[in-house]
């Protein structure tokens, strides 16, 4: 089995408080990537998870608050990350909007934008 080596890269994962986002962060860190954990709420949980990642995998882990549904919030996060950490080489979008479920063809275009 070939082991993925992401040493020297930085990965940004949105939705890190969900199971999918946390799993992605763990796998990226296990492969050697430094990680940026993006959350919307619960800074304490994000910091605890970042500390756990640093301890278990020996990589850098940074957390940043952002509402990925708002462009001004995304741009502010980008500026903060660039200034305090590093811009990512890898972006994983695991954040999801919480609203009533609809069939894909019934969703308005605005939901995708």
PDB file of N, CA and C in Angstrom:
ATOM      1  N   UNK A   1       0.842  -1.173   0.000  1.00  0.00           N
ATOM      2  CA  UNK A   1       0.000   0.000   0.000  1.00  0.00           C
ATOM      3  C   UNK A   1       0.894   1.244   0.000  1.00  0.00           C
ATOM      4  N   UNK A   2       0.570   2.203  -0.837  1.00  0.00           N
ATOM      5  CA  UNK A   2       1.315   3.446  -0.927  1.00  0.00           C
ATOM      6  C   UNK A   2       0.788   4.413   0.120  1.00  0.00           C
ATOM      7  N   UNK A   3       1.702   5.013   0.856  1.00  0.00           N
ATOM      8  CA  UNK A   3       1.312   5.990   1.873  1.00  0.00           C
ATOM      9  C   UNK A   3       1.386   7.384   1.267  1.00  0.00           C
ATOM     10  N   UNK A   4       0.330   8.144   1.435  1.00  0.00           N
ATOM     11  CA  UNK A   4       0.259   9.508   0.934  1.00  0.00           C
ATOM     12  C   UNK A   4       1.135  10.413   1.787  1.00  0.00           C
ATOM     13  N   UNK A   5       2.017  11.178   1.150  1.00  0.00           N
ATOM     14  CA  UNK A   5       2.890  12.104   1.868  1.00  0.00           C
ATOM     15  C   UNK A   5       2.530  13.531   1.481  1.00  0.00           C
ATOM     16  N   UNK A   6       1.920  14.252   2.413  1.00  0.00           N
ATOM     17  CA  UNK A   6       1.541  15.646   2.194  1.00  0.00           C
ATOM     18  C   UNK A   6       2.411  16.603   3.013  1.00  0.00           C
ATOM     19  N   UNK A   7       3.566  16.135   3.443  1.00  0.00           N
ATOM     20  CA  UNK A   7       4.484  16.983   4.206  1.00  0.00           C
ATOM     21  C   UNK A   7       4.791  18.244   3.410  1.00  0.00           C
ATOM     22  N   UNK A   8       4.826  19.369   4.104  1.00  0.00           N
ATOM     23  CA  UNK A   8       5.139  20.634   3.444  1.00  0.00           C
ATOM     24  C   UNK A   8       3.941  21.303   2.807  1.00  0.00           C
ATOM     25  N   UNK A   9       2.751  20.715   2.957  1.00  0.00           N
ATOM     26  CA  UNK A   9       1.549  21.344   2.418  1.00  0.00           C
ATOM     27  C   UNK A   9       0.662  21.821   3.559  1.00  0.00           C
ATOM     28  N   UNK A  10      -0.254  22.703   3.213  1.00  0.00           N
ATOM     29  CA  UNK A  10      -1.241  23.196   4.167  1.00  0.00           C
ATOM     30  C   UNK A  10      -2.621  22.924   3.591  1.00  0.00           C
ATOM     31  N   UNK A  11      -3.498  22.354   4.410  1.00  0.00           N
ATOM     32  CA  UNK A  11      -4.860  22.043   3.985  1.00  0.00           C
ATOM     33  C   UNK A  11      -5.852  22.822   4.836  1.00  0.00           C
ATOM     34  N   UNK A  12      -6.864  23.393   4.186  1.00  0.00           N
ATOM     35  CA  UNK A  12      -7.945  24.092   4.865  1.00  0.00           C
ATOM     36  C   UNK A  12      -9.188  23.224   4.742  1.00  0.00           C
ATOM     37  N   UNK A  13      -9.856  22.975   5.877  1.00  0.00           N
ATOM     38  CA  UNK A  13     -11.061  22.152   5.886  1.00  0.00           C
ATOM     39  C   UNK A  13     -12.187  22.943   6.528  1.00  0.00           C
ATOM     40  N   UNK A  14     -13.259  23.192   5.754  1.00  0.00           N
ATOM     41  CA  UNK A  14     -14.437  23.836   6.319  1.00  0.00           C
ATOM     42  C   UNK A  14     -15.313  22.771   6.962  1.00  0.00           C
ATOM     43  N   UNK A  15     -16.134  23.192   7.914  1.00  0.00           N
ATOM     44  CA  UNK A  15     -17.029  22.246   8.567  1.00  0.00           C
ATOM     45  C   UNK A  15     -16.310  21.275   9.477  1.00  0.00           C
ATOM     46  N   UNK A  16     -15.261  21.729  10.128  1.00  0.00           N
ATOM     47  CA  UNK A  16     -14.451  20.819  10.942  1.00  0.00           C
ATOM     48  C   UNK A  16     -15.172  20.306  12.175  1.00  0.00           C
ATOM     49  N   UNK A  17     -16.298  20.886  12.532  1.00  0.00           N
ATOM     50  CA  UNK A  17     -16.997  20.381  13.710  1.00  0.00           C
ATOM     51  C   UNK A  17     -17.897  19.199  13.382  1.00  0.00           C
ATOM     52  N   UNK A  18     -18.141  18.946  12.102  1.00  0.00           N
ATOM     53  CA  UNK A  18     -18.932  17.786  11.702  1.00  0.00           C
ATOM     54  C   UNK A  18     -18.060  16.547  11.577  1.00  0.00           C
ATOM     55  N   UNK A  19     -18.694  15.403  11.527  1.00  0.00           N
ATOM     56  CA  UNK A  19     -17.952  14.139  11.449  1.00  0.00           C
ATOM     57  C   UNK A  19     -17.111  14.047  10.180  1.00  0.00           C
ATOM     58  N   UNK A  20     -17.662  14.461   9.035  1.00  0.00           N
ATOM     59  CA  UNK A  20     -16.910  14.400   7.782  1.00  0.00           C
ATOM     60  C   UNK A  20     -15.696  15.317   7.835  1.00  0.00           C
ATOM     61  N   UNK A  21     -15.886  16.552   8.275  1.00  0.00           N
ATOM     62  CA  UNK A  21     -14.769  17.497   8.354  1.00  0.00           C
ATOM     63  C   UNK A  21     -13.677  17.023   9.296  1.00  0.00           C
ATOM     64  N   UNK A  22     -14.051  16.515  10.446  1.00  0.00           N
ATOM     65  CA  UNK A  22     -13.062  16.025  11.415  1.00  0.00           C
ATOM     66  C   UNK A  22     -12.298  14.825  10.860  1.00  0.00           C
ATOM     67  N   UNK A  23     -12.992  13.953  10.168  1.00  0.00           N
ATOM     68  CA  UNK A  23     -12.327  12.806   9.553  1.00  0.00           C
ATOM     69  C   UNK A  23     -11.327  13.242   8.494  1.00  0.00           C
ATOM     70  N   UNK A  24     -11.697  14.226   7.696  1.00  0.00           N
ATOM     71  CA  UNK A  24     -10.794  14.744   6.663  1.00  0.00           C
ATOM     72  C   UNK A  24      -9.556  15.375   7.302  1.00  0.00           C
ATOM     73  N   UNK A  25      -9.766  16.144   8.366  1.00  0.00           N
ATOM     74  CA  UNK A  25      -8.640  16.775   9.056  1.00  0.00           C
ATOM     75  C   UNK A  25      -7.676  15.709   9.573  1.00  0.00           C
ATOM     76  N   UNK A  26      -8.208  14.683  10.186  1.00  0.00           N
ATOM     77  CA  UNK A  26      -7.348  13.613  10.723  1.00  0.00           C
ATOM     78  C   UNK A  26      -6.519  12.947   9.626  1.00  0.00           C
ATOM     79  N   UNK A  27      -7.144  12.626   8.513  1.00  0.00           N
ATOM     80  CA  UNK A  27      -6.430  11.955   7.422  1.00  0.00           C
ATOM     81  C   UNK A  27      -5.374  12.865   6.798  1.00  0.00           C
ATOM     82  N   UNK A  28      -5.688  14.134   6.624  1.00  0.00           N
ATOM     83  CA  UNK A  28      -4.710  15.072   6.073  1.00  0.00           C
ATOM     84  C   UNK A  28      -3.525  15.236   7.020  1.00  0.00           C
ATOM     85  N   UNK A  29      -3.806  15.349   8.311  1.00  0.00           N
ATOM     86  CA  UNK A  29      -2.728  15.485   9.303  1.00  0.00           C
ATOM     87  C   UNK A  29      -1.906  14.202   9.377  1.00  0.00           C
ATOM     88  N   UNK A  30      -2.562  13.063   9.303  1.00  0.00           N
ATOM     89  CA  UNK A  30      -1.860  11.778   9.310  1.00  0.00           C
ATOM     90  C   UNK A  30      -0.894  11.682   8.123  1.00  0.00           C
ATOM     91  N   UNK A  31      -1.271  12.305   7.001  1.00  0.00           N
ATOM     92  CA  UNK A  31      -0.415  12.294   5.805  1.00  0.00           C
ATOM     93  C   UNK A  31       0.664  13.381   5.872  1.00  0.00           C
ATOM     94  N   UNK A  32       0.671  14.181   6.954  1.00  0.00           N
ATOM     95  CA  UNK A  32       1.730  15.160   7.155  1.00  0.00           C
ATOM     96  C   UNK A  32       1.387  16.587   6.818  1.00  0.00           C
ATOM     97  N   UNK A  33       0.153  16.864   6.403  1.00  0.00           N
ATOM     98  CA  UNK A  33      -0.236  18.235   6.067  1.00  0.00           C
ATOM     99  C   UNK A  33      -0.496  19.049   7.328  1.00  0.00           C
ATOM    100  N   UNK A  34      -0.065  20.308   7.319  1.00  0.00           N
ATOM    101  CA  UNK A  34      -0.510  21.245   8.334  1.00  0.00           C
ATOM    102  C   UNK A  34      -1.970  21.558   8.004  1.00  0.00           C
ATOM    103  N   UNK A  35      -2.784  21.845   9.023  1.00  0.00           N
ATOM    104  CA  UNK A  35      -4.219  21.996   8.769  1.00  0.00           C
ATOM    105  C   UNK A  35      -4.776  23.282   9.349  1.00  0.00           C
ATOM    106  N   UNK A  36      -5.729  23.825   8.629  1.00  0.00           N
ATOM    107  CA  UNK A  36      -6.495  24.983   9.084  1.00  0.00           C
ATOM    108  C   UNK A  36      -7.931  24.491   9.267  1.00  0.00           C
ATOM    109  N   UNK A  37      -8.417  24.558  10.482  1.00  0.00           N
ATOM    110  CA  UNK A  37      -9.755  24.087  10.822  1.00  0.00           C
ATOM    111  C   UNK A  37     -10.710  25.274  10.790  1.00  0.00           C
ATOM    112  N   UNK A  38     -11.673  25.242   9.900  1.00  0.00           N
ATOM    113  CA  UNK A  38     -12.622  26.352   9.766  1.00  0.00           C
ATOM    114  C   UNK A  38     -13.941  25.946  10.410  1.00  0.00           C
ATOM    115  N   UNK A  39     -14.386  26.768  11.354  1.00  0.00           N
ATOM    116  CA  UNK A  39     -15.631  26.505  12.064  1.00  0.00           C
ATOM    117  C   UNK A  39     -16.455  27.783  12.058  1.00  0.00           C
ATOM    118  N   UNK A  40     -17.751  27.656  12.298  1.00  0.00           N
ATOM    119  CA  UNK A  40     -18.589  28.846  12.383  1.00  0.00           C
ATOM    120  C   UNK A  40     -18.871  29.214  13.839  1.00  0.00           C
ATOM    121  N   UNK A  41     -19.067  28.226  14.672  1.00  0.00           N
ATOM    122  CA  UNK A  41     -19.370  28.436  16.096  1.00  0.00           C
ATOM    123  C   UNK A  41     -18.455  27.533  16.923  1.00  0.00           C
ATOM    124  N   UNK A  42     -18.343  27.808  18.189  1.00  0.00           N
ATOM    125  CA  UNK A  42     -17.659  26.946  19.164  1.00  0.00           C
ATOM    126  C   UNK A  42     -16.133  26.951  19.019  1.00  0.00           C
ATOM    127  N   UNK A  43     -15.551  28.085  19.330  1.00  0.00           N
ATOM    128  CA  UNK A  43     -14.096  28.248  19.288  1.00  0.00           C
ATOM    129  C   UNK A  43     -13.386  27.289  20.236  1.00  0.00           C
ATOM    130  N   UNK A  44     -13.975  27.020  21.390  1.00  0.00           N
ATOM    131  CA  UNK A  44     -13.338  26.121  22.356  1.00  0.00           C
ATOM    132  C   UNK A  44     -13.182  24.714  21.785  1.00  0.00           C
ATOM    133  N   UNK A  45     -14.216  24.228  21.127  1.00  0.00           N
ATOM    134  CA  UNK A  45     -14.145  22.895  20.525  1.00  0.00           C
ATOM    135  C   UNK A  45     -13.106  22.862  19.405  1.00  0.00           C
ATOM    136  N   UNK A  46     -13.061  23.917  18.608  1.00  0.00           N
ATOM    137  CA  UNK A  46     -12.085  23.983  17.510  1.00  0.00           C
ATOM    138  C   UNK A  46     -10.660  24.015  18.057  1.00  0.00           C
ATOM    139  N   UNK A  47     -10.427  24.779  19.100  1.00  0.00           N
ATOM    140  CA  UNK A  47      -9.079  24.839  19.679  1.00  0.00           C
ATOM    141  C   UNK A  47      -8.684  23.502  20.282  1.00  0.00           C
ATOM    142  N   UNK A  48      -9.622  22.842  20.954  1.00  0.00           N
ATOM    143  CA  UNK A  48      -9.325  21.533  21.540  1.00  0.00           C
ATOM    144  C   UNK A  48      -8.984  20.524  20.445  1.00  0.00           C
ATOM    145  N   UNK A  49      -9.726  20.565  19.345  1.00  0.00           N
ATOM    146  CA  UNK A  49      -9.452  19.650  18.241  1.00  0.00           C
ATOM    147  C   UNK A  49      -8.097  19.971  17.609  1.00  0.00           C
ATOM    148  N   UNK A  50      -7.791  21.257  17.421  1.00  0.00           N
ATOM    149  CA  UNK A  50      -6.489  21.660  16.864  1.00  0.00           C
ATOM    150  C   UNK A  50      -5.351  21.179  17.764  1.00  0.00           C
ATOM    151  N   UNK A  51      -5.514  21.329  19.075  1.00  0.00           N
ATOM    152  CA  UNK A  51      -4.482  20.869  20.012  1.00  0.00           C
ATOM    153  C   UNK A  51      -4.305  19.359  19.917  1.00  0.00           C
ATOM    154  N   UNK A  52      -5.402  18.632  19.798  1.00  0.00           N
ATOM    155  CA  UNK A  52      -5.347  17.175  19.661  1.00  0.00           C
ATOM    156  C   UNK A  52      -4.612  16.778  18.374  1.00  0.00           C
ATOM    157  N   UNK A  53      -4.875  17.480  17.295  1.00  0.00           N
ATOM    158  CA  UNK A  53      -4.209  17.193  16.017  1.00  0.00           C
ATOM    159  C   UNK A  53      -2.711  17.462  16.134  1.00  0.00           C
ATOM    160  N   UNK A  54      -2.341  18.582  16.744  1.00  0.00           N
ATOM    161  CA  UNK A  54      -0.913  18.907  16.915  1.00  0.00           C
ATOM    162  C   UNK A  54      -0.214  17.819  17.716  1.00  0.00           C
ATOM    163  N   UNK A  55      -0.862  17.390  18.797  1.00  0.00           N
ATOM    164  CA  UNK A  55      -0.255  16.386  19.678  1.00  0.00           C
ATOM    165  C   UNK A  55      -0.160  15.014  19.001  1.00  0.00           C
ATOM    166  N   UNK A  56      -1.216  14.572  18.363  1.00  0.00           N
ATOM    167  CA  UNK A  56      -1.243  13.226  17.781  1.00  0.00           C
ATOM    168  C   UNK A  56      -0.405  13.087  16.519  1.00  0.00           C
ATOM    169  N   UNK A  57      -0.371  14.140  15.688  1.00  0.00           N
ATOM    170  CA  UNK A  57       0.250  13.998  14.375  1.00  0.00           C
ATOM    171  C   UNK A  57       1.508  14.844  14.188  1.00  0.00           C
ATOM    172  N   UNK A  58       1.806  15.721  15.133  1.00  0.00           N
ATOM    173  CA  UNK A  58       3.026  16.525  15.049  1.00  0.00           C
ATOM    174  C   UNK A  58       3.028  17.545  13.923  1.00  0.00           C
ATOM    175  N   UNK A  59       1.830  17.967  13.490  1.00  0.00           N
ATOM    176  CA  UNK A  59       1.731  18.977  12.436  1.00  0.00           C
ATOM    177  C   UNK A  59       1.234  20.282  13.050  1.00  0.00           C
ATOM    178  N   UNK A  60       1.315  21.343  12.286  1.00  0.00           N
ATOM    179  CA  UNK A  60       0.745  22.608  12.721  1.00  0.00           C
ATOM    180  C   UNK A  60      -0.762  22.549  12.494  1.00  0.00           C
ATOM    181  N   UNK A  61      -1.525  23.083  13.447  1.00  0.00           N
ATOM    182  CA  UNK A  61      -2.982  23.129  13.309  1.00  0.00           C
ATOM    183  C   UNK A  61      -3.453  24.489  13.797  1.00  0.00           C
ATOM    184  N   UNK A  62      -4.197  25.151  12.964  1.00  0.00           N
ATOM    185  CA  UNK A  62      -4.698  26.501  13.214  1.00  0.00           C
ATOM    186  C   UNK A  62      -6.206  26.454  13.047  1.00  0.00           C
ATOM    187  N   UNK A  63      -6.927  27.244  13.817  1.00  0.00           N
ATOM    188  CA  UNK A  63      -8.380  27.274  13.635  1.00  0.00           C
ATOM    189  C   UNK A  63      -8.833  28.694  13.365  1.00  0.00           C
ATOM    190  N   UNK A  64      -9.853  28.815  12.515  1.00  0.00           N
ATOM    191  CA  UNK A  64     -10.361  30.129  12.115  1.00  0.00           C
ATOM    192  C   UNK A  64     -11.880  30.072  12.020  1.00  0.00           C
ATOM    193  N   UNK A  65     -12.527  31.117  12.522  1.00  0.00           N
ATOM    194  CA  UNK A  65     -13.976  31.216  12.455  1.00  0.00           C
ATOM    195  C   UNK A  65     -14.388  31.862  11.141  1.00  0.00           C
ATOM    196  N   UNK A  66     -15.448  31.317  10.531  1.00  0.00           N
ATOM    197  CA  UNK A  66     -15.911  31.865   9.264  1.00  0.00           C
ATOM    198  C   UNK A  66     -17.307  31.353   8.963  1.00  0.00           C
ATOM    199  N   UNK A  67     -18.145  32.231   8.418  1.00  0.00           N
ATOM    200  CA  UNK A  67     -19.427  31.820   7.854  1.00  0.00           C
ATOM    201  C   UNK A  67     -19.193  31.702   6.361  1.00  0.00           C
ATOM    202  N   UNK A  68     -19.004  30.481   5.865  1.00  0.00           N
ATOM    203  CA  UNK A  68     -18.640  30.278   4.467  1.00  0.00           C
ATOM    204  C   UNK A  68     -19.755  30.666   3.505  1.00  0.00           C
ATOM    205  N   UNK A  69     -20.923  30.980   4.026  1.00  0.00           N
ATOM    206  CA  UNK A  69     -22.031  31.447   3.189  1.00  0.00           C
ATOM    207  C   UNK A  69     -22.019  32.942   2.958  1.00  0.00           C
ATOM    208  N   UNK A  70     -21.034  33.628   3.544  1.00  0.00           N
ATOM    209  CA  UNK A  70     -20.959  35.090   3.400  1.00  0.00           C
ATOM    210  C   UNK A  70     -19.577  35.469   2.891  1.00  0.00           C
ATOM    211  N   UNK A  71     -19.547  36.098   1.722  1.00  0.00           N
ATOM    212  CA  UNK A  71     -18.284  36.438   1.077  1.00  0.00           C
ATOM    213  C   UNK A  71     -17.396  37.308   1.957  1.00  0.00           C
ATOM    214  N   UNK A  72     -17.963  38.291   2.639  1.00  0.00           N
ATOM    215  CA  UNK A  72     -17.131  39.168   3.474  1.00  0.00           C
ATOM    216  C   UNK A  72     -16.464  38.382   4.605  1.00  0.00           C
ATOM    217  N   UNK A  73     -17.155  37.381   5.145  1.00  0.00           N
ATOM    218  CA  UNK A  73     -16.576  36.543   6.191  1.00  0.00           C
ATOM    219  C   UNK A  73     -15.437  35.682   5.630  1.00  0.00           C
ATOM    220  N   UNK A  74     -15.631  35.146   4.434  1.00  0.00           N
ATOM    221  CA  UNK A  74     -14.595  34.328   3.791  1.00  0.00           C
ATOM    222  C   UNK A  74     -13.352  35.177   3.504  1.00  0.00           C
ATOM    223  N   UNK A  75     -13.547  36.381   2.990  1.00  0.00           N
ATOM    224  CA  UNK A  75     -12.402  37.239   2.671  1.00  0.00           C
ATOM    225  C   UNK A  75     -11.657  37.668   3.933  1.00  0.00           C
ATOM    226  N   UNK A  76     -12.388  37.948   5.007  1.00  0.00           N
ATOM    227  CA  UNK A  76     -11.742  38.307   6.274  1.00  0.00           C
ATOM    228  C   UNK A  76     -10.935  37.121   6.811  1.00  0.00           C
ATOM    229  N   UNK A  77     -11.497  35.905   6.699  1.00  0.00           N
ATOM    230  CA  UNK A  77     -10.778  34.712   7.132  1.00  0.00           C
ATOM    231  C   UNK A  77      -9.514  34.530   6.297  1.00  0.00           C
ATOM    232  N   UNK A  78      -9.629  34.719   4.989  1.00  0.00           N
ATOM    233  CA  UNK A  78      -8.474  34.561   4.099  1.00  0.00           C
ATOM    234  C   UNK A  78      -7.345  35.500   4.499  1.00  0.00           C
ATOM    235  N   UNK A  79      -7.679  36.759   4.746  1.00  0.00           N
ATOM    236  CA  UNK A  79      -6.658  37.741   5.146  1.00  0.00           C
ATOM    237  C   UNK A  79      -6.009  37.344   6.466  1.00  0.00           C
ATOM    238  N   UNK A  80      -6.817  36.892   7.429  1.00  0.00           N
ATOM    239  CA  UNK A  80      -6.282  36.492   8.733  1.00  0.00           C
ATOM    240  C   UNK A  80      -5.367  35.275   8.590  1.00  0.00           C
ATOM    241  N   UNK A  81      -5.782  34.289   7.819  1.00  0.00           N
ATOM    242  CA  UNK A  81      -4.976  33.082   7.632  1.00  0.00           C
ATOM    243  C   UNK A  81      -3.660  33.425   6.943  1.00  0.00           C
ATOM    244  N   UNK A  82      -3.735  34.257   5.911  1.00  0.00           N
ATOM    245  CA  UNK A  82      -2.512  34.636   5.191  1.00  0.00           C
ATOM    246  C   UNK A  82      -1.536  35.368   6.108  1.00  0.00           C
ATOM    247  N   UNK A  83      -2.078  36.205   6.973  1.00  0.00           N
ATOM    248  CA  UNK A  83      -1.248  37.000   7.883  1.00  0.00           C
ATOM    249  C   UNK A  83      -0.679  36.149   9.033  1.00  0.00           C
ATOM    250  N   UNK A  84      -1.472  35.231   9.565  1.00  0.00           N
ATOM    251  CA  UNK A  84      -1.085  34.516  10.788  1.00  0.00           C
ATOM    252  C   UNK A  84      -0.611  33.084  10.576  1.00  0.00           C
ATOM    253  N   UNK A  85      -0.882  32.501   9.434  1.00  0.00           N
ATOM    254  CA  UNK A  85      -0.537  31.081   9.245  1.00  0.00           C
ATOM    255  C   UNK A  85       0.049  30.880   7.853  1.00  0.00           C
ATOM    256  N   UNK A  86      -0.724  30.420   6.912  1.00  0.00           N
ATOM    257  CA  UNK A  86      -0.283  30.218   5.521  1.00  0.00           C
ATOM    258  C   UNK A  86      -1.501  29.948   4.660  1.00  0.00           C
ATOM    259  N   UNK A  87      -1.472  30.425   3.428  1.00  0.00           N
ATOM    260  CA  UNK A  87      -2.569  30.105   2.520  1.00  0.00           C
ATOM    261  C   UNK A  87      -2.504  28.617   2.174  1.00  0.00           C
ATOM    262  N   UNK A  88      -3.650  27.987   2.025  1.00  0.00           N
ATOM    263  CA  UNK A  88      -3.669  26.532   1.816  1.00  0.00           C
ATOM    264  C   UNK A  88      -3.278  26.108   0.402  1.00  0.00           C
ATOM    265  N   UNK A  89      -2.708  24.912   0.333  1.00  0.00           N
ATOM    266  CA  UNK A  89      -2.453  24.241  -0.937  1.00  0.00           C
ATOM    267  C   UNK A  89      -3.650  23.365  -1.301  1.00  0.00           C
ATOM    268  N   UNK A  90      -4.372  22.927  -0.273  1.00  0.00           N
ATOM    269  CA  UNK A  90      -5.514  22.018  -0.427  1.00  0.00           C
ATOM    270  C   UNK A  90      -6.707  22.646   0.280  1.00  0.00           C
ATOM    271  N   UNK A  91      -7.874  22.625  -0.365  1.00  0.00           N
ATOM    272  CA  UNK A  91      -9.104  23.110   0.257  1.00  0.00           C
ATOM    273  C   UNK A  91     -10.146  21.998   0.197  1.00  0.00           C
ATOM    274  N   UNK A  92     -10.708  21.671   1.363  1.00  0.00           N
ATOM    275  CA  UNK A  92     -11.765  20.676   1.454  1.00  0.00           C
ATOM    276  C   UNK A  92     -13.005  21.379   1.986  1.00  0.00           C
ATOM    277  N   UNK A  93     -14.069  21.383   1.211  1.00  0.00           N
ATOM    278  CA  UNK A  93     -15.298  22.057   1.620  1.00  0.00           C
ATOM    279  C   UNK A  93     -16.280  21.034   2.176  1.00  0.00           C
ATOM    280  N   UNK A  94     -16.251  20.873   3.483  1.00  0.00           N
ATOM    281  CA  UNK A  94     -17.124  19.908   4.145  1.00  0.00           C
ATOM    282  C   UNK A  94     -18.253  20.601   4.911  1.00  0.00           C
ATOM    283  N   UNK A  95     -18.304  21.937   4.867  1.00  0.00           N
ATOM    284  CA  UNK A  95     -19.379  22.661   5.547  1.00  0.00           C
ATOM    285  C   UNK A  95     -20.669  22.496   4.753  1.00  0.00           C
ATOM    286  N   UNK A  96     -21.756  22.377   5.460  1.00  0.00           N
ATOM    287  CA  UNK A  96     -23.062  22.260   4.808  1.00  0.00           C
ATOM    288  C   UNK A  96     -24.026  23.269   5.421  1.00  0.00           C
ATOM    289  N   UNK A  97     -24.941  23.745   4.594  1.00  0.00           N
ATOM    290  CA  UNK A  97     -25.989  24.639   5.078  1.00  0.00           C
ATOM    291  C   UNK A  97     -27.068  23.792   5.738  1.00  0.00           C
ATOM    292  N   UNK A  98     -27.594  24.267   6.828  1.00  0.00           N
ATOM    293  CA  UNK A  98     -28.648  23.550   7.532  1.00  0.00           C
ATOM    294  C   UNK A  98     -29.992  24.171   7.186  1.00  0.00           C
ATOM    295  N   UNK A  99     -30.701  23.548   6.272  1.00  0.00           N
ATOM    296  CA  UNK A  99     -32.040  23.991   5.909  1.00  0.00           C
ATOM    297  C   UNK A  99     -32.832  22.758   5.481  1.00  0.00           C
ATOM    298  N   UNK A 100     -34.143  22.898   5.355  1.00  0.00           N
ATOM    299  CA  UNK A 100     -34.954  21.721   5.004  1.00  0.00           C
ATOM    300  C   UNK A 100     -34.469  21.060   3.711  1.00  0.00           C
ATOM    301  N   UNK A 101     -34.405  19.737   3.724  1.00  0.00           N
ATOM    302  CA  UNK A 101     -33.917  18.976   2.593  1.00  0.00           C
ATOM    303  C   UNK A 101     -34.869  19.098   1.416  1.00  0.00           C
ATOM    304  N   UNK A 102     -34.287  19.199   0.208  1.00  0.00           N
ATOM    305  CA  UNK A 102     -35.051  19.236  -1.039  1.00  0.00           C
ATOM    306  C   UNK A 102     -34.339  18.347  -2.052  1.00  0.00           C
ATOM    307  N   UNK A 103     -35.083  17.868  -3.022  1.00  0.00           N
ATOM    308  CA  UNK A 103     -34.483  17.151  -4.147  1.00  0.00           C
ATOM    309  C   UNK A 103     -33.521  18.099  -4.855  1.00  0.00           C
ATOM    310  N   UNK A 104     -32.439  17.593  -5.406  1.00  0.00           N
ATOM    311  CA  UNK A 104     -31.437  18.419  -6.075  1.00  0.00           C
ATOM    312  C   UNK A 104     -32.072  19.303  -7.138  1.00  0.00           C
ATOM    313  N   UNK A 105     -32.954  18.756  -7.954  1.00  0.00           N
ATOM    314  CA  UNK A 105     -33.561  19.536  -9.035  1.00  0.00           C
ATOM    315  C   UNK A 105     -34.556  20.579  -8.534  1.00  0.00           C
ATOM    316  N   UNK A 106     -34.971  20.474  -7.273  1.00  0.00           N
ATOM    317  CA  UNK A 106     -35.885  21.458  -6.692  1.00  0.00           C
ATOM    318  C   UNK A 106     -35.180  22.589  -5.970  1.00  0.00           C
ATOM    319  N   UNK A 107     -33.863  22.499  -5.831  1.00  0.00           N
ATOM    320  CA  UNK A 107     -33.119  23.542  -5.129  1.00  0.00           C
ATOM    321  C   UNK A 107     -32.874  24.729  -6.059  1.00  0.00           C
ATOM    322  N   UNK A 108     -33.060  25.933  -5.539  1.00  0.00           N
ATOM    323  CA  UNK A 108     -32.793  27.107  -6.373  1.00  0.00           C
ATOM    324  C   UNK A 108     -31.284  27.291  -6.595  1.00  0.00           C
ATOM    325  N   UNK A 109     -30.940  27.927  -7.692  1.00  0.00           N
ATOM    326  CA  UNK A 109     -29.550  28.185  -8.039  1.00  0.00           C
ATOM    327  C   UNK A 109     -28.826  28.923  -6.918  1.00  0.00           C
ATOM    328  N   UNK A 110     -29.512  29.807  -6.207  1.00  0.00           N
ATOM    329  CA  UNK A 110     -28.916  30.594  -5.130  1.00  0.00           C
ATOM    330  C   UNK A 110     -28.315  29.696  -4.039  1.00  0.00           C
ATOM    331  N   UNK A 111     -28.905  28.519  -3.820  1.00  0.00           N
ATOM    332  CA  UNK A 111     -28.371  27.604  -2.812  1.00  0.00           C
ATOM    333  C   UNK A 111     -26.949  27.166  -3.180  1.00  0.00           C
ATOM    334  N   UNK A 112     -26.689  26.995  -4.449  1.00  0.00           N
ATOM    335  CA  UNK A 112     -25.353  26.574  -4.902  1.00  0.00           C
ATOM    336  C   UNK A 112     -24.370  27.709  -4.864  1.00  0.00           C
ATOM    337  N   UNK A 113     -24.852  28.896  -5.157  1.00  0.00           N
ATOM    338  CA  UNK A 113     -23.964  30.065  -5.157  1.00  0.00           C
ATOM    339  C   UNK A 113     -23.519  30.378  -3.756  1.00  0.00           C
TER     340      UNK A 113
END
